Amino acid sequence: METKQALQIDKKEIKLIDGEFTPTQASDILNAMIDQKINFHKIENLQHWEKNHDNDPKPFIDRIQQLEDEKKALDTYITQIKKSGKNVRIDGLLSLSPID
């Protein structure tokens, strides 16, 4: 009889963005990432709806709204930095870990 051993999977970190950018570059990079995430949630919502028309879209709509709000806050922040004549440091570290 074969026994299954628990596979130990450690936490993984990915340095996605690391550097100094002009405000325009920072805005382009971060807005592209947020837009991609918004599109992901729109597609997920549509796929869930196609499987089940009674599916509640609220979690998807709420998350999309949160991301839209973050885009607005980011735009305000980047505008302030641009007016100050400074660049932006972005340290984008993703942390992944398995969940049960």
Foldseek 3Di string as FASTA:
>chain_A
DDDDDDDDDDKDKDFPDFDKFALVVVLVVVVVVLVVVLVVLVVVLVVVCVVPVVDDSVVSVVVSVVSVVVNVVSVVVSVVCVVVVHIDGDGDMDMDDDDD
